[in-house]
Amino acid sequence: MYHHGFDRTEIRKKKAYELSMKAFEIEPELAEAHISLALYHYFCNRDYDKALEEFSIVERILPGDERLLSFVGYILRRQGHFHESLAKLKKALQLNPVNIALNNNIAWLLLFLRDYKEADNYYRRSLSLAPDNQVAYQELALYS
């Protein structure tokens, strides 16, 4: 069954887990192995605590990595830690200011937190980077 583009059938979940474990066999301390396992926990099982445990290992290997900060921010958002999530996502955006998805996600979170003026700024920044960004246009049309 697909959910937001992810196939969560048991066969796919099993394959994702097996591939994550294969990465550990190749190189146990490889950041990407831990990222793979974290994403398995996050997307396949929605086990956010286990995903955060793996990402804390990644933080020791790749401190300040944009991907890490982004995923941790998304997990914190799902856990309801909205202000912590916002801080992580903004830090990730500082590392990659042209990341359109981060701009959109930060704007969406700001809308949720009812900071409409700041959300508007992020959507407009997103549009300056990608003038064909339909998400930003839709959100601006709804909330401006």
Protein backbone atom coordinates (compact mmCIF):
# COMPACT_ATOMS: atom_id res chain seq x y z
CA MET A 1 0.00 0.00 0.00
CA TYR A 2 1.34 3.42 -0.93
CA HIS A 3 1.20 6.32 1.47
CA HIS A 4 2.64 9.65 0.35
CA GLY A 5 4.76 7.85 -2.22
CA PHE A 6 6.08 5.15 0.12
CA ASP A 7 5.32 1.48 -0.36
CA ARG A 8 4.82 0.09 3.16
CA THR A 9 3.99 -3.48 2.17
CA GLU A 10 5.66 -6.10 4.33
CA ILE A 11 7.83 -7.29 1.46
CA ARG A 12 9.17 -3.75 0.86
CA LYS A 13 9.71 -3.12 4.56
CA LYS A 14 11.64 -6.40 4.83
CA LYS A 15 13.76 -5.50 1.80
CA ALA A 16 14.49 -2.02 3.21
CA TYR A 17 15.59 -3.55 6.51
CA GLU A 18 17.77 -6.16 4.80
CA LEU A 19 19.48 -3.49 2.70
CA SER A 20 20.11 -1.38 5.80
CA MET A 21 21.70 -4.36 7.53
CA LYS A 22 23.82 -5.04 4.44
CA ALA A 23 25.23 -1.53 4.74
CA PHE A 24 26.27 -2.29 8.33
CA GLU A 25 28.00 -5.48 7.16
CA ILE A 26 30.02 -3.48 4.67
CA GLU A 27 31.01 -0.68 7.06
CA PRO A 28 29.52 -0.65 10.60
CA GLU A 29 30.46 2.97 11.32
CA LEU A 30 29.31 4.36 8.00
CA ALA A 31 26.99 7.34 8.49
CA GLU A 32 24.90 6.26 5.51
CA ALA A 33 24.25 2.88 7.15
CA HIS A 34 22.82 4.63 10.20
CA ILE A 35 20.86 7.04 7.98
CA SER A 36 19.43 4.05 6.11
CA LEU A 37 18.33 2.37 9.34
CA ALA A 38 16.94 5.63 10.71
CA LEU A 39 14.90 6.13 7.55
CA TYR A 40 13.69 2.54 7.78
CA HIS A 41 12.40 3.22 11.31
CA TYR A 42 10.95 6.57 10.24
CA PHE A 43 9.18 5.66 7.01
CA CYS A 44 8.47 1.94 7.38
CA ASN A 45 7.52 1.67 11.04
CA ARG A 46 6.94 5.26 12.11
CA ASP A 47 9.12 4.48 15.09
CA TYR A 48 10.36 8.01 15.61
CA ASP A 49 12.31 7.29 18.79
CA LYS A 50 14.39 4.59 17.12
CA ALA A 51 14.93 6.83 14.11
CA LEU A 52 16.15 9.61 16.42
CA GLU A 53 18.52 7.15 18.13
CA GLU A 54 20.11 6.33 14.78
CA PHE A 55 20.28 10.00 13.82
CA SER A 56 22.06 10.77 17.11
CA ILE A 57 24.78 8.34 15.98
CA VAL A 58 24.92 10.10 12.62
CA GLU A 59 25.32 13.43 14.45
CA ARG A 60 28.56 12.14 16.01
CA ILE A 61 29.86 11.02 12.62
CA LEU A 62 28.60 13.97 10.53
CA PRO A 63 27.99 16.89 12.89
CA GLY A 64 25.86 19.60 11.36
CA ASP A 65 24.83 17.59 8.28
CA GLU A 66 21.90 19.19 6.45
CA ARG A 67 20.13 15.87 5.78
CA LEU A 68 20.39 14.90 9.42
CA LEU A 69 19.03 18.22 10.63
CA SER A 70 16.18 18.05 8.12
CA PHE A 71 15.08 14.55 9.03
CA VAL A 72 15.36 15.22 12.75
CA GLY A 73 13.29 18.35 12.21
CA TYR A 74 10.62 16.37 10.36
CA ILE A 75 10.51 13.72 13.09
CA LEU A 76 10.25 16.34 15.82
CA ARG A 77 7.37 17.91 13.90
CA ARG A 78 5.57 14.56 13.77
CA GLN A 79 6.11 14.18 17.50
CA GLY A 80 4.51 17.55 18.13
CA HIS A 81 7.73 19.35 19.11
CA PHE A 82 7.02 22.18 16.72
CA HIS A 83 9.43 24.83 17.98
CA GLU A 84 12.31 22.34 18.20
CA SER A 85 11.44 21.16 14.71
CA LEU A 86 11.47 24.70 13.40
CA ALA A 87 14.90 25.33 14.92
CA LYS A 88 16.36 22.20 13.27
CA LEU A 89 14.82 22.98 9.90
CA LYS A 90 16.06 26.57 9.98
CA LYS A 91 19.55 25.35 10.86
CA ALA A 92 19.43 22.92 7.92
CA LEU A 93 18.32 25.75 5.65
CA GLN A 94 21.30 27.84 6.74
CA LEU A 95 23.50 25.05 5.43
CA ASN A 96 21.61 24.89 2.12
CA PRO A 97 19.67 28.13 1.59
CA VAL A 98 18.51 27.12 -1.89
CA ASN A 99 16.65 24.03 -0.68
CA ILE A 100 13.11 24.66 -1.89
CA ALA A 101 11.58 21.79 0.09
CA LEU A 102 13.05 23.15 3.32
CA ASN A 103 11.73 26.62 2.58
CA ASN A 104 8.27 25.17 1.94
CA ASN A 105 8.35 22.96 5.04
CA ILE A 106 9.47 25.81 7.27
CA ALA A 107 6.73 28.02 5.81
CA TRP A 108 4.11 25.32 6.40
CA LEU A 109 5.24 24.87 10.00
CA LEU A 110 5.13 28.64 10.53
CA LEU A 111 1.55 28.65 9.20
CA PHE A 112 0.71 25.93 11.69
CA LEU A 113 2.25 28.06 14.44
CA ARG A 114 0.22 31.04 13.16
CA ASP A 115 3.24 33.12 12.25
CA TYR A 116 1.72 34.15 8.93
CA LYS A 117 4.10 37.00 8.15
CA GLU A 118 7.17 34.81 8.56
CA ALA A 119 5.55 31.97 6.60
CA ASP A 120 4.88 34.42 3.79
CA ASN A 121 8.59 35.33 3.77
CA TYR A 122 9.63 31.69 3.38
CA TYR A 123 7.11 30.98 0.63
CA ARG A 124 8.25 34.07 -1.25
CA ARG A 125 11.87 33.03 -0.84
CA SER A 126 10.91 29.62 -2.20
CA LEU A 127 9.29 31.27 -5.21
CA SER A 128 12.38 33.36 -5.84
CA LEU A 129 14.34 30.11 -6.07
CA ALA A 130 11.74 28.24 -8.13
CA PRO A 131 9.20 30.48 -9.84
CA ASP A 132 7.20 27.40 -10.87
CA ASN A 133 6.78 26.19 -7.27
CA GLN A 134 3.08 25.30 -7.20
CA VAL A 135 3.07 24.49 -3.48
CA ALA A 136 4.18 28.00 -2.59
CA TYR A 137 1.59 29.58 -4.90
CA GLN A 138 -1.18 27.44 -3.46
CA GLU A 139 -0.26 28.19 0.12
CA LEU A 140 0.12 31.90 -0.54
CA ALA A 141 -3.26 31.96 -2.22
CA LEU A 142 -4.87 30.22 0.76
CA TYR A 143 -3.20 32.06 3.62
CA SER A 144 -2.11 35.48 2.39
